[in-house]
Amino acid sequence: MPKIYARRIGVLASAAAMAALTSLVNAPTAQAAPPTPISASAARSYLATVTPRAEGSSTGYSRDLFPHWSTVSGTCNTRETVLKRDGVGVVQDSSCAAVSGSWYSEYDGATWTAASDLDIDHVVALSEAWRSGASSWTTSKRQQFANDLTRPQLIAVTDNVNQAKGDLDPAEWLPSRTAYRCTYARMWVHVKQYWGLSMDSAEKTALVNVLNGC
């Protein structure tokens, strides 16, 4: 092989290796991995069929009516299962509590190394679900909703961000990390569609606006 081409190949290989290393250094240490939500087009199609309804009352609501966190297996409950799923290098003790690891909060872009800095967010908050139809469910069904690992309903995020979100819907709150808003809207629609929960007019409009940009 001529020396000029060998040198060029060597330079290209070195550049590729450096680019790969830079990518690894700049990448988040972990990325939450809830189940993949429906596509933006599927979410838009569903929203086109939704007739908005005014939210119901919060009367009678209690978090105790949505039992959580349920045992998943052994000593592991839903919270610890999500922490393990959404983190990198997560080490759990004999009680399944996460004692070390790294977590990237998709809502705000922060990285944490202590599980105590994270909340498990119910994407569709329990009280929001109550006002959207869950008030008529059985306690058993509400428990399934509150511990749903099959739909994109649970995600590990920065605790105070989750607390600031509270029970607000997308007309009132969206992740500050704009790159995640399309995913968040898809997650919200997926959960509400699967569980047959209603949407009010402002909520639907906010979701349509986000998804139209996806």
N, C-alpha and C. Protein backbone atom coordinates (compact mmCIF):
# COMPACT_ATOMS: atom_id res chain seq x y z
N MET A 1 0.85 -1.19 0.00
CA MET A 1 0.00 0.00 0.00
C MET A 1 0.89 1.23 0.00
N PRO A 2 0.66 2.22 -0.88
CA PRO A 2 1.47 3.44 -0.89
C PRO A 2 1.44 4.11 0.48
N LYS A 3 2.59 4.73 0.84
CA LYS A 3 2.70 5.32 2.18
C LYS A 3 1.66 6.41 2.42
N ILE A 4 1.34 7.21 1.38
CA ILE A 4 0.41 8.32 1.55
C ILE A 4 -0.96 7.83 1.96
N TYR A 5 -1.41 6.70 1.37
CA TYR A 5 -2.72 6.16 1.70
C TYR A 5 -2.70 5.51 3.08
N ALA A 6 -1.61 4.84 3.41
CA ALA A 6 -1.49 4.22 4.73
C ALA A 6 -1.55 5.30 5.81
N ARG A 7 -0.84 6.42 5.54
CA ARG A 7 -0.84 7.52 6.51
C ARG A 7 -2.24 8.10 6.65
N ARG A 8 -2.93 8.26 5.50
CA ARG A 8 -4.27 8.84 5.53
C ARG A 8 -5.23 7.94 6.31
N ILE A 9 -5.13 6.62 6.08
CA ILE A 9 -5.97 5.68 6.80
C ILE A 9 -5.70 5.75 8.30
N GLY A 10 -4.39 5.87 8.64
CA GLY A 10 -4.04 5.97 10.05
C GLY A 10 -4.61 7.22 10.69
N VAL A 11 -4.55 8.35 9.96
CA VAL A 11 -5.09 9.61 10.48
C VAL A 11 -6.60 9.50 10.67
N LEU A 12 -7.27 8.91 9.66
CA LEU A 12 -8.72 8.75 9.75
C LEU A 12 -9.11 7.86 10.92
N ALA A 13 -8.37 6.78 11.12
CA ALA A 13 -8.65 5.87 12.23
C ALA A 13 -8.48 6.58 13.57
N SER A 14 -7.40 7.38 13.66
CA SER A 14 -7.16 8.11 14.89
C SER A 14 -8.28 9.12 15.15
N ALA A 15 -8.71 9.79 14.09
CA ALA A 15 -9.78 10.78 14.22
C ALA A 15 -11.08 10.12 14.65
N ALA A 16 -11.35 8.95 14.06
CA ALA A 16 -12.58 8.23 14.41
C ALA A 16 -12.54 7.79 15.86
N ALA A 17 -11.35 7.32 16.30
CA ALA A 17 -11.22 6.88 17.69
C ALA A 17 -11.41 8.06 18.64
N MET A 18 -10.84 9.22 18.28
CA MET A 18 -10.97 10.41 19.12
C MET A 18 -12.42 10.86 19.18
N ALA A 19 -13.11 10.80 18.03
CA ALA A 19 -14.52 11.21 17.99
C ALA A 19 -15.36 10.29 18.86
N ALA A 20 -15.07 9.01 18.80
CA ALA A 20 -15.82 8.05 19.61
C ALA A 20 -15.59 8.30 21.09
N LEU A 21 -14.31 8.59 21.44
CA LEU A 21 -13.98 8.86 22.84
C LEU A 21 -14.68 10.12 23.32
N THR A 22 -14.65 11.17 22.46
CA THR A 22 -15.31 12.43 22.81
C THR A 22 -16.79 12.22 23.03
N SER A 23 -17.39 11.40 22.16
CA SER A 23 -18.82 11.10 22.28
C SER A 23 -19.13 10.43 23.60
N LEU A 24 -18.26 9.50 24.00
CA LEU A 24 -18.47 8.79 25.26
C LEU A 24 -18.35 9.74 26.45
N VAL A 25 -17.36 10.66 26.37
CA VAL A 25 -17.14 11.59 27.45
C VAL A 25 -18.31 12.54 27.60
N ASN A 26 -18.85 13.00 26.44
CA ASN A 26 -19.92 13.99 26.47
C ASN A 26 -21.30 13.39 26.67
N ALA A 27 -21.44 12.08 26.49
CA ALA A 27 -22.74 11.44 26.63
C ALA A 27 -23.17 11.41 28.09
N PRO A 28 -24.47 11.45 28.33
CA PRO A 28 -24.95 11.30 29.71
C PRO A 28 -24.45 9.98 30.30
N THR A 29 -24.22 9.98 31.61
CA THR A 29 -23.74 8.75 32.23
C THR A 29 -24.82 7.68 32.26
N ALA A 30 -26.06 8.10 32.14
CA ALA A 30 -27.16 7.14 32.09
C ALA A 30 -28.35 7.81 31.44
N GLN A 31 -29.20 7.04 30.82
CA GLN A 31 -30.42 7.59 30.25
C GLN A 31 -31.59 6.71 30.66
N ALA A 32 -32.61 7.36 31.20
CA ALA A 32 -33.78 6.61 31.63
C ALA A 32 -34.37 5.84 30.46
N ALA A 33 -34.87 4.66 30.75
CA ALA A 33 -35.34 3.79 29.66
C ALA A 33 -36.72 3.20 29.95
N PRO A 34 -37.74 4.07 30.09
CA PRO A 34 -39.08 3.52 30.22
C PRO A 34 -39.51 2.87 28.91
N PRO A 35 -40.57 2.07 28.91
CA PRO A 35 -41.02 1.46 27.66
C PRO A 35 -41.24 2.51 26.58
N THR A 36 -40.89 2.17 25.35
CA THR A 36 -41.02 3.12 24.24
C THR A 36 -42.48 3.50 24.03
N PRO A 37 -42.78 4.81 24.03
CA PRO A 37 -44.17 5.23 23.83
C PRO A 37 -44.59 5.12 22.37
N ILE A 38 -45.87 5.28 22.12
CA ILE A 38 -46.36 5.29 20.74
C ILE A 38 -45.68 6.42 19.97
N SER A 39 -45.67 6.32 18.66
CA SER A 39 -45.01 7.31 17.82
C SER A 39 -45.77 8.63 17.86
N ALA A 40 -45.10 9.68 17.42
CA ALA A 40 -45.76 11.00 17.37
C ALA A 40 -46.96 10.97 16.44
N SER A 41 -46.83 10.28 15.32
CA SER A 41 -47.95 10.23 14.37
C SER A 41 -49.12 9.46 14.96
N ALA A 42 -48.84 8.36 15.68
CA ALA A 42 -49.90 7.60 16.32
C ALA A 42 -50.57 8.43 17.41
N ALA A 43 -49.77 9.19 18.14
CA ALA A 43 -50.32 10.06 19.20
C ALA A 43 -51.20 11.14 18.59
N ARG A 44 -50.74 11.74 17.48
CA ARG A 44 -51.56 12.76 16.81
C ARG A 44 -52.87 12.16 16.30
N SER A 45 -52.79 10.96 15.75
CA SER A 45 -54.00 10.30 15.25
C SER A 45 -54.99 10.04 16.37
N TYR A 46 -54.47 9.60 17.52
CA TYR A 46 -55.37 9.36 18.65
C TYR A 46 -56.00 10.66 19.13
N LEU A 47 -55.20 11.71 19.24
CA LEU A 47 -55.72 12.98 19.72
C LEU A 47 -56.84 13.51 18.82
N ALA A 48 -56.73 13.20 17.54
CA ALA A 48 -57.77 13.65 16.60
C ALA A 48 -59.12 13.03 16.91
N THR A 49 -59.13 11.93 17.64
CA THR A 49 -60.38 11.24 17.98
C THR A 49 -60.90 11.64 19.37
N VAL A 50 -60.11 12.40 20.11
CA VAL A 50 -60.46 12.72 21.50
C VAL A 50 -61.43 13.90 21.56
N THR A 51 -62.53 13.70 22.24
CA THR A 51 -63.46 14.79 22.54
C THR A 51 -63.13 15.29 23.94
N PRO A 52 -62.65 16.52 24.06
CA PRO A 52 -62.24 17.01 25.38
C PRO A 52 -63.41 17.00 26.38
N ARG A 53 -63.06 16.72 27.62
CA ARG A 53 -64.04 16.74 28.71
C ARG A 53 -63.45 17.52 29.87
N ALA A 54 -64.28 18.28 30.53
CA ALA A 54 -63.81 19.03 31.70
C ALA A 54 -63.33 18.05 32.76
N GLU A 55 -62.27 18.42 33.47
CA GLU A 55 -61.75 17.55 34.52
C GLU A 55 -62.76 17.37 35.63
N GLY A 56 -62.76 16.20 36.21
CA GLY A 56 -63.63 15.93 37.34
C GLY A 56 -63.10 16.55 38.61
N SER A 57 -63.77 16.27 39.69
CA SER A 57 -63.42 16.83 40.99
C SER A 57 -62.33 16.00 41.67
N SER A 58 -61.58 16.66 42.56
CA SER A 58 -60.58 15.95 43.37
C SER A 58 -61.20 15.40 44.65
N THR A 59 -62.47 15.65 44.84
CA THR A 59 -63.15 15.17 46.05
C THR A 59 -62.98 13.67 46.23
N GLY A 60 -62.55 13.30 47.41
CA GLY A 60 -62.38 11.88 47.72
C GLY A 60 -61.02 11.32 47.36
N TYR A 61 -60.19 12.14 46.68
CA TYR A 61 -58.88 11.63 46.25
C TYR A 61 -57.95 11.42 47.43
N SER A 62 -57.19 10.33 47.37
CA SER A 62 -56.10 10.06 48.31
C SER A 62 -55.09 9.17 47.60
N ARG A 63 -53.81 9.44 47.83
CA ARG A 63 -52.78 8.57 47.24
C ARG A 63 -52.93 7.13 47.72
N ASP A 64 -53.52 6.97 48.90
CA ASP A 64 -53.71 5.62 49.45
C ASP A 64 -54.67 4.80 48.60
N LEU A 65 -55.45 5.47 47.76
CA LEU A 65 -56.38 4.75 46.87
C LEU A 65 -55.67 4.21 45.63
N PHE A 66 -54.37 4.53 45.51
CA PHE A 66 -53.52 4.03 44.43
C PHE A 66 -52.32 3.33 45.08
N PRO A 67 -52.51 2.16 45.66
CA PRO A 67 -51.43 1.51 46.43
C PRO A 67 -50.15 1.36 45.60
N HIS A 68 -49.05 1.82 46.17
CA HIS A 68 -47.74 1.72 45.54
C HIS A 68 -46.70 1.86 46.66
N TRP A 69 -45.52 1.40 46.59
CA TRP A 69 -44.97 0.66 45.45
C TRP A 69 -45.15 -0.84 45.68
N SER A 70 -45.66 -1.53 44.68
CA SER A 70 -45.95 -2.95 44.81
C SER A 70 -44.69 -3.79 44.70
N THR A 71 -44.71 -4.97 45.32
CA THR A 71 -43.61 -5.92 45.18
C THR A 71 -43.60 -6.46 43.75
N VAL A 72 -42.43 -6.42 43.12
CA VAL A 72 -42.29 -6.94 41.76
C VAL A 72 -41.76 -8.37 41.83
N SER A 73 -40.69 -8.56 42.59
CA SER A 73 -40.16 -9.91 42.82
C SER A 73 -39.23 -9.87 44.03
N GLY A 74 -39.29 -10.90 44.82
CA GLY A 74 -38.43 -10.95 46.00
C GLY A 74 -38.64 -9.75 46.90
N THR A 75 -37.54 -9.03 47.17
CA THR A 75 -37.62 -7.83 48.01
C THR A 75 -37.69 -6.56 47.18
N CYS A 76 -37.80 -6.71 45.87
CA CYS A 76 -37.78 -5.55 44.97
C CYS A 76 -39.19 -5.03 44.70
N ASN A 77 -39.40 -3.74 44.97
CA ASN A 77 -40.69 -3.13 44.66
C ASN A 77 -40.58 -2.31 43.36
N THR A 78 -41.66 -1.65 43.01
CA THR A 78 -41.70 -0.92 41.73
C THR A 78 -40.66 0.19 41.69
N ARG A 79 -40.52 0.93 42.79
CA ARG A 79 -39.54 2.03 42.81
C ARG A 79 -38.14 1.51 42.54
N GLU A 80 -37.73 0.46 43.26
CA GLU A 80 -36.38 -0.05 43.09
C GLU A 80 -36.19 -0.66 41.70
N THR A 81 -37.25 -1.23 41.15
CA THR A 81 -37.17 -1.79 39.81
C THR A 81 -36.92 -0.70 38.78
N VAL A 82 -37.59 0.45 38.93
CA VAL A 82 -37.39 1.57 38.00
C VAL A 82 -36.01 2.18 38.18
N LEU A 83 -35.54 2.30 39.42
CA LEU A 83 -34.20 2.83 39.65
C LEU A 83 -33.15 1.96 38.98
N LYS A 84 -33.32 0.64 39.07
CA LYS A 84 -32.39 -0.28 38.42
C LYS A 84 -32.47 -0.13 36.90
N ARG A 85 -33.67 -0.05 36.36
CA ARG A 85 -33.88 0.06 34.92
C ARG A 85 -33.33 1.36 34.35
N ASP A 86 -33.53 2.45 35.06
CA ASP A 86 -33.20 3.77 34.52
C ASP A 86 -31.79 4.23 34.84
N GLY A 87 -31.04 3.44 35.59
CA GLY A 87 -29.69 3.85 35.95
C GLY A 87 -28.62 3.05 35.24
N VAL A 88 -27.39 3.43 35.49
CA VAL A 88 -26.22 2.72 34.95
C VAL A 88 -25.35 2.30 36.13
N GLY A 89 -24.90 1.06 36.12
CA GLY A 89 -24.03 0.56 37.19
C GLY A 89 -24.72 0.54 38.54
N VAL A 90 -26.02 0.30 38.54
CA VAL A 90 -26.77 0.32 39.80
C VAL A 90 -26.46 -0.93 40.63
N VAL A 91 -26.06 -0.70 41.87
CA VAL A 91 -25.80 -1.79 42.81
C VAL A 91 -26.89 -1.75 43.87
N GLN A 92 -27.50 -2.90 44.12
CA GLN A 92 -28.56 -2.99 45.12
C GLN A 92 -28.12 -3.87 46.28
N ASP A 93 -28.61 -3.52 47.49
CA ASP A 93 -28.29 -4.33 48.65
C ASP A 93 -29.27 -5.50 48.77
N SER A 94 -29.19 -6.24 49.87
CA SER A 94 -30.02 -7.43 50.03
C SER A 94 -31.51 -7.10 50.12
N SER A 95 -31.81 -5.84 50.42
CA SER A 95 -33.22 -5.40 50.47
C SER A 95 -33.67 -4.82 49.15
N CYS A 96 -32.80 -4.85 48.14
CA CYS A 96 -33.06 -4.34 46.79
C CYS A 96 -32.95 -2.82 46.70
N ALA A 97 -32.51 -2.17 47.77
CA ALA A 97 -32.33 -0.72 47.73
C ALA A 97 -31.08 -0.39 46.92
N ALA A 98 -31.19 0.63 46.07
CA ALA A 98 -30.04 1.06 45.26
C ALA A 98 -29.05 1.81 46.15
N VAL A 99 -27.84 1.25 46.27
CA VAL A 99 -26.83 1.86 47.15
C VAL A 99 -25.78 2.64 46.35
N SER A 100 -25.73 2.41 45.03
CA SER A 100 -24.84 3.19 44.18
C SER A 100 -25.30 3.06 42.74
N GLY A 101 -24.79 3.97 41.92
CA GLY A 101 -25.16 3.97 40.51
C GLY A 101 -25.15 5.39 39.98
N SER A 102 -25.62 5.55 38.76
CA SER A 102 -25.67 6.86 38.13
C SER A 102 -26.98 6.98 37.37
N TRP A 103 -27.63 8.14 37.53
CA TRP A 103 -28.93 8.35 36.88
C TRP A 103 -28.96 9.69 36.17
N TYR A 104 -29.45 9.68 34.96
CA TYR A 104 -29.61 10.91 34.16
C TYR A 104 -31.09 11.25 34.13
N SER A 105 -31.44 12.43 34.62
CA SER A 105 -32.84 12.86 34.67
C SER A 105 -33.23 13.50 33.34
N GLU A 106 -34.09 12.82 32.59
CA GLU A 106 -34.47 13.30 31.27
C GLU A 106 -35.21 14.63 31.31
N TYR A 107 -35.87 14.93 32.40
CA TYR A 107 -36.66 16.16 32.46
C TYR A 107 -35.81 17.42 32.49
N ASP A 108 -34.66 17.35 33.19
CA ASP A 108 -33.86 18.55 33.38
C ASP A 108 -32.39 18.39 33.00
N GLY A 109 -31.97 17.19 32.62
CA GLY A 109 -30.60 16.98 32.17
C GLY A 109 -29.58 16.84 33.28
N ALA A 110 -30.04 16.67 34.51
CA ALA A 110 -29.11 16.51 35.64
C ALA A 110 -28.72 15.05 35.81
N THR A 111 -27.48 14.82 36.28
CA THR A 111 -27.01 13.47 36.57
C THR A 111 -26.79 13.33 38.07
N TRP A 112 -27.26 12.23 38.63
CA TRP A 112 -27.17 12.00 40.07
C TRP A 112 -26.50 10.66 40.36
N THR A 113 -25.85 10.59 41.51
CA THR A 113 -25.20 9.33 41.91
C THR A 113 -25.74 8.81 43.24
N ALA A 114 -26.79 9.44 43.73
CA ALA A 114 -27.45 8.97 44.95
C ALA A 114 -28.94 8.78 44.66
N ALA A 115 -29.44 7.59 44.96
CA ALA A 115 -30.85 7.29 44.68
C ALA A 115 -31.79 8.23 45.43
N SER A 116 -31.33 8.77 46.54
CA SER A 116 -32.16 9.67 47.34
C SER A 116 -32.46 10.98 46.62
N ASP A 117 -31.69 11.28 45.57
CA ASP A 117 -31.92 12.50 44.79
C ASP A 117 -32.96 12.31 43.70
N LEU A 118 -33.52 11.11 43.62
CA LEU A 118 -34.46 10.80 42.55
C LEU A 118 -35.84 10.44 43.07
N ASP A 119 -36.85 10.88 42.33
CA ASP A 119 -38.21 10.41 42.55
C ASP A 119 -38.58 9.54 41.35
N ILE A 120 -39.53 8.65 41.55
CA ILE A 120 -40.11 7.93 40.43
C ILE A 120 -41.39 8.68 40.07
N ASP A 121 -41.36 9.36 38.95
CA ASP A 121 -42.51 10.16 38.53
C ASP A 121 -43.57 9.29 37.89
N HIS A 122 -44.81 9.51 38.30
CA HIS A 122 -45.95 9.00 37.54
C HIS A 122 -46.19 10.03 36.45
N VAL A 123 -45.89 9.69 35.21
CA VAL A 123 -46.03 10.64 34.11
C VAL A 123 -47.42 11.28 34.15
N VAL A 124 -48.45 10.46 34.16
CA VAL A 124 -49.80 10.96 34.44
C VAL A 124 -49.99 10.79 35.95
N ALA A 125 -49.99 11.92 36.64
CA ALA A 125 -50.03 11.89 38.11
C ALA A 125 -51.29 11.18 38.61
N LEU A 126 -51.20 10.62 39.81
CA LEU A 126 -52.31 9.86 40.36
C LEU A 126 -53.56 10.72 40.53
N SER A 127 -53.38 11.94 41.01
CA SER A 127 -54.55 12.81 41.20
C SER A 127 -55.11 13.28 39.86
N GLU A 128 -54.24 13.46 38.87
CA GLU A 128 -54.70 13.79 37.51
C GLU A 128 -55.53 12.63 36.97
N ALA A 129 -55.07 11.41 37.20
CA ALA A 129 -55.82 10.23 36.76
C ALA A 129 -57.18 10.17 37.46
N TRP A 130 -57.18 10.48 38.77
CA TRP A 130 -58.43 10.48 39.53
C TRP A 130 -59.46 11.41 38.89
N ARG A 131 -59.01 12.61 38.52
CA ARG A 131 -59.92 13.61 37.94
C ARG A 131 -60.29 13.27 36.50
N SER A 132 -59.55 12.34 35.90
CA SER A 132 -59.76 11.99 34.49
C SER A 132 -60.47 10.66 34.30
N GLY A 133 -60.97 10.09 35.40
CA GLY A 133 -61.73 8.86 35.27
C GLY A 133 -61.40 7.77 36.27
N ALA A 134 -60.23 7.84 36.91
CA ALA A 134 -59.82 6.77 37.82
C ALA A 134 -60.61 6.75 39.12
N SER A 135 -61.37 7.82 39.37
CA SER A 135 -62.18 7.84 40.60
C SER A 135 -63.23 6.73 40.59
N SER A 136 -63.59 6.26 39.39
CA SER A 136 -64.61 5.21 39.29
C SER A 136 -64.00 3.80 39.22
N TRP A 137 -62.66 3.72 39.24
CA TRP A 137 -62.01 2.42 39.17
C TRP A 137 -62.05 1.70 40.51
N THR A 138 -61.77 0.41 40.46
CA THR A 138 -61.55 -0.35 41.68
C THR A 138 -60.15 -0.02 42.21
N THR A 139 -59.95 -0.28 43.49
CA THR A 139 -58.62 -0.05 44.07
C THR A 139 -57.59 -0.93 43.38
N SER A 140 -57.97 -2.13 43.00
CA SER A 140 -57.06 -3.03 42.30
C SER A 140 -56.59 -2.44 40.98
N LYS A 141 -57.51 -1.84 40.23
CA LYS A 141 -57.12 -1.23 38.95
C LYS A 141 -56.24 -0.01 39.18
N ARG A 142 -56.54 0.76 40.20
CA ARG A 142 -55.70 1.93 40.51
C ARG A 142 -54.30 1.49 40.93
N GLN A 143 -54.20 0.37 41.61
CA GLN A 143 -52.88 -0.16 41.99
C GLN A 143 -52.10 -0.56 40.74
N GLN A 144 -52.76 -1.19 39.79
CA GLN A 144 -52.09 -1.56 38.53
C GLN A 144 -51.58 -0.32 37.81
N PHE A 145 -52.39 0.73 37.80
CA PHE A 145 -52.00 1.99 37.15
C PHE A 145 -50.79 2.62 37.83
N ALA A 146 -50.82 2.63 39.15
CA ALA A 146 -49.76 3.28 39.92
C ALA A 146 -48.43 2.55 39.86
N ASN A 147 -48.46 1.30 39.42
CA ASN A 147 -47.24 0.47 39.35
C ASN A 147 -46.99 -0.05 37.94
N ASP A 148 -47.50 0.66 36.94
CA ASP A 148 -47.46 0.18 35.55
C ASP A 148 -46.05 0.26 34.96
N LEU A 149 -45.42 -0.89 34.83
CA LEU A 149 -44.08 -0.97 34.24
C LEU A 149 -44.13 -1.31 32.75
N THR A 150 -45.32 -1.57 32.23
CA THR A 150 -45.46 -1.98 30.84
C THR A 150 -45.65 -0.79 29.91
N ARG A 151 -46.36 0.22 30.38
CA ARG A 151 -46.51 1.46 29.63
C ARG A 151 -45.47 2.48 30.13
N PRO A 152 -45.24 3.57 29.37
CA PRO A 152 -44.25 4.58 29.79
C PRO A 152 -44.82 5.54 30.82
N GLN A 153 -45.22 4.98 31.96
CA GLN A 153 -45.89 5.75 33.02
C GLN A 153 -44.96 6.09 34.17
N LEU A 154 -43.82 5.39 34.29
CA LEU A 154 -42.91 5.60 35.40
C LEU A 154 -41.51 5.92 34.90
N ILE A 155 -40.88 6.93 35.51
CA ILE A 155 -39.53 7.31 35.09
C ILE A 155 -38.80 7.95 36.28
N ALA A 156 -37.52 7.63 36.42
CA ALA A 156 -36.71 8.20 37.49
C ALA A 156 -36.22 9.58 37.08
N VAL A 157 -36.53 10.59 37.90
CA VAL A 157 -36.15 11.98 37.59
C VAL A 157 -35.72 12.70 38.87
N THR A 158 -35.10 13.85 38.70
CA THR A 158 -34.70 14.69 39.83
C THR A 158 -35.88 14.93 40.76
N ASP A 159 -35.67 14.69 42.05
CA ASP A 159 -36.80 14.74 42.99
C ASP A 159 -37.52 16.09 43.03
N ASN A 160 -36.76 17.20 43.09
CA ASN A 160 -37.47 18.48 43.22
C ASN A 160 -38.15 18.90 41.91
N VAL A 161 -37.68 18.36 40.78
CA VAL A 161 -38.36 18.62 39.51
C VAL A 161 -39.71 17.89 39.51
N ASN A 162 -39.71 16.67 39.99
CA ASN A 162 -40.95 15.91 40.08
C ASN A 162 -41.92 16.60 41.03
N GLN A 163 -41.40 17.12 42.13
CA GLN A 163 -42.26 17.79 43.10
C GLN A 163 -42.82 19.09 42.54
N ALA A 164 -42.03 19.78 41.72
CA ALA A 164 -42.51 21.01 41.08
C ALA A 164 -43.60 20.70 40.05
N LYS A 165 -43.46 19.58 39.37
CA LYS A 165 -44.47 19.16 38.40
C LYS A 165 -45.78 18.85 39.11
N GLY A 166 -45.69 18.17 40.25
CA GLY A 166 -46.90 17.83 41.00
C GLY A 166 -47.89 17.06 40.16
N ASP A 167 -49.14 17.53 40.14
CA ASP A 167 -50.18 16.84 39.36
C ASP A 167 -50.58 17.65 38.13
N LEU A 168 -49.66 18.48 37.64
CA LEU A 168 -49.96 19.34 36.49
C LEU A 168 -49.98 18.55 35.19
N ASP A 169 -50.85 18.96 34.27
CA ASP A 169 -50.90 18.31 32.96
C ASP A 169 -50.05 19.11 31.97
N PRO A 170 -49.90 18.66 30.73
CA PRO A 170 -49.00 19.33 29.79
C PRO A 170 -49.39 20.77 29.42
N ALA A 171 -50.62 21.18 29.72
CA ALA A 171 -50.98 22.58 29.50
C ALA A 171 -50.35 23.47 30.56
N GLU A 172 -49.95 22.85 31.67
CA GLU A 172 -49.43 23.60 32.82
C GLU A 172 -47.96 23.33 33.10
N TRP A 173 -47.44 22.20 32.59
CA TRP A 173 -46.04 21.83 32.86
C TRP A 173 -45.52 20.93 31.75
N LEU A 174 -44.29 21.25 31.32
CA LEU A 174 -43.55 20.40 30.39
C LEU A 174 -42.10 20.35 30.88
N PRO A 175 -41.35 19.30 30.55
CA PRO A 175 -39.95 19.24 30.97
C PRO A 175 -39.16 20.47 30.52
N SER A 176 -38.31 20.98 31.39
CA SER A 176 -37.49 22.14 31.02
C SER A 176 -36.50 21.77 29.92
N ARG A 177 -36.13 20.51 29.84
CA ARG A 177 -35.26 20.03 28.77
C ARG A 177 -36.12 19.83 27.52
N THR A 178 -36.07 20.82 26.64
CA THR A 178 -36.99 20.83 25.49
C THR A 178 -36.80 19.63 24.57
N ALA A 179 -35.60 19.06 24.54
CA ALA A 179 -35.34 17.91 23.67
C ALA A 179 -36.16 16.69 24.07
N TYR A 180 -36.70 16.71 25.30
CA TYR A 180 -37.47 15.55 25.77
C TYR A 180 -38.98 15.78 25.66
N ARG A 181 -39.40 16.95 25.24
CA ARG A 181 -40.83 17.25 25.27
C ARG A 181 -41.65 16.39 24.31
N CYS A 182 -41.10 16.08 23.14
CA CYS A 182 -41.83 15.21 22.21
C CYS A 182 -42.04 13.83 22.84
N THR A 183 -40.98 13.29 23.42
CA THR A 183 -41.09 11.98 24.07
C THR A 183 -42.09 12.03 25.21
N TYR A 184 -42.03 13.09 26.00
CA TYR A 184 -42.94 13.23 27.13
C TYR A 184 -44.40 13.28 26.66
N ALA A 185 -44.66 14.03 25.61
CA ALA A 185 -46.03 14.13 25.08
C ALA A 185 -46.50 12.77 24.58
N ARG A 186 -45.62 12.03 23.91
CA ARG A 186 -45.96 10.69 23.43
C ARG A 186 -46.26 9.76 24.61
N MET A 187 -45.46 9.86 25.67
CA MET A 187 -45.68 9.05 26.87
C MET A 187 -47.05 9.35 27.48
N TRP A 188 -47.35 10.65 27.61
CA TRP A 188 -48.61 11.08 28.23
C TRP A 188 -49.80 10.54 27.44
N VAL A 189 -49.77 10.71 26.12
CA VAL A 189 -50.87 10.24 25.28
C VAL A 189 -51.00 8.72 25.36
N HIS A 190 -49.87 8.02 25.31
CA HIS A 190 -49.88 6.56 25.38
C HIS A 190 -50.58 6.08 26.65
N VAL A 191 -50.21 6.68 27.78
CA VAL A 191 -50.78 6.26 29.07
C VAL A 191 -52.27 6.56 29.11
N LYS A 192 -52.64 7.77 28.72
CA LYS A 192 -54.07 8.12 28.78
C LYS A 192 -54.89 7.28 27.82
N GLN A 193 -54.34 6.99 26.64
CA GLN A 193 -55.06 6.17 25.68
C GLN A 193 -55.26 4.76 26.24
N TYR A 194 -54.19 4.15 26.73
CA TYR A 194 -54.29 2.77 27.21
C TYR A 194 -55.28 2.65 28.37
N TRP A 195 -55.22 3.59 29.30
CA TRP A 195 -56.04 3.50 30.50
C TRP A 195 -57.41 4.14 30.33
N GLY A 196 -57.70 4.68 29.16
CA GLY A 196 -59.01 5.25 28.89
C GLY A 196 -59.34 6.48 29.71
N LEU A 197 -58.32 7.31 29.97
CA LEU A 197 -58.50 8.51 30.77
C LEU A 197 -58.84 9.70 29.87
N SER A 198 -59.68 10.57 30.35
CA SER A 198 -60.13 11.71 29.56
C SER A 198 -59.07 12.82 29.53
N MET A 199 -59.27 13.78 28.63
CA MET A 199 -58.42 14.95 28.52
C MET A 199 -59.29 16.20 28.48
N ASP A 200 -58.84 17.25 29.13
CA ASP A 200 -59.57 18.50 29.00
C ASP A 200 -59.07 19.27 27.78
N SER A 201 -59.73 20.34 27.45
CA SER A 201 -59.43 21.06 26.21
C SER A 201 -58.02 21.64 26.17
N ALA A 202 -57.60 22.29 27.27
CA ALA A 202 -56.26 22.90 27.30
C ALA A 202 -55.17 21.84 27.22
N GLU A 203 -55.39 20.74 27.89
CA GLU A 203 -54.44 19.61 27.88
C GLU A 203 -54.28 19.06 26.46
N LYS A 204 -55.40 18.82 25.78
CA LYS A 204 -55.35 18.31 24.42
C LYS A 204 -54.63 19.29 23.50
N THR A 205 -54.96 20.57 23.60
CA THR A 205 -54.34 21.59 22.75
C THR A 205 -52.83 21.63 22.96
N ALA A 206 -52.40 21.55 24.21
CA ALA A 206 -50.96 21.59 24.52
C ALA A 206 -50.25 20.39 23.90
N LEU A 207 -50.87 19.22 23.99
CA LEU A 207 -50.27 18.02 23.43
C LEU A 207 -50.20 18.10 21.90
N VAL A 208 -51.25 18.60 21.28
CA VAL A 208 -51.26 18.75 19.82
C VAL A 208 -50.14 19.69 19.39
N ASN A 209 -49.98 20.80 20.13
CA ASN A 209 -48.95 21.78 19.78
C ASN A 209 -47.56 21.19 19.88
N VAL A 210 -47.31 20.38 20.93
CA VAL A 210 -45.98 19.76 21.08
C VAL A 210 -45.78 18.75 19.96
N LEU A 211 -46.75 17.88 19.74
CA LEU A 211 -46.61 16.79 18.79
C LEU A 211 -46.55 17.27 17.34
N ASN A 212 -47.12 18.40 17.07
CA ASN A 212 -47.03 18.95 15.71
C ASN A 212 -45.62 19.37 15.37
N GLY A 213 -44.79 19.55 16.38
CA GLY A 213 -43.40 19.92 16.15
C GLY A 213 -42.45 18.75 16.21
N CYS A 214 -43.00 17.54 16.33
CA CYS A 214 -42.15 16.35 16.47
C CYS A 214 -41.87 15.70 15.11
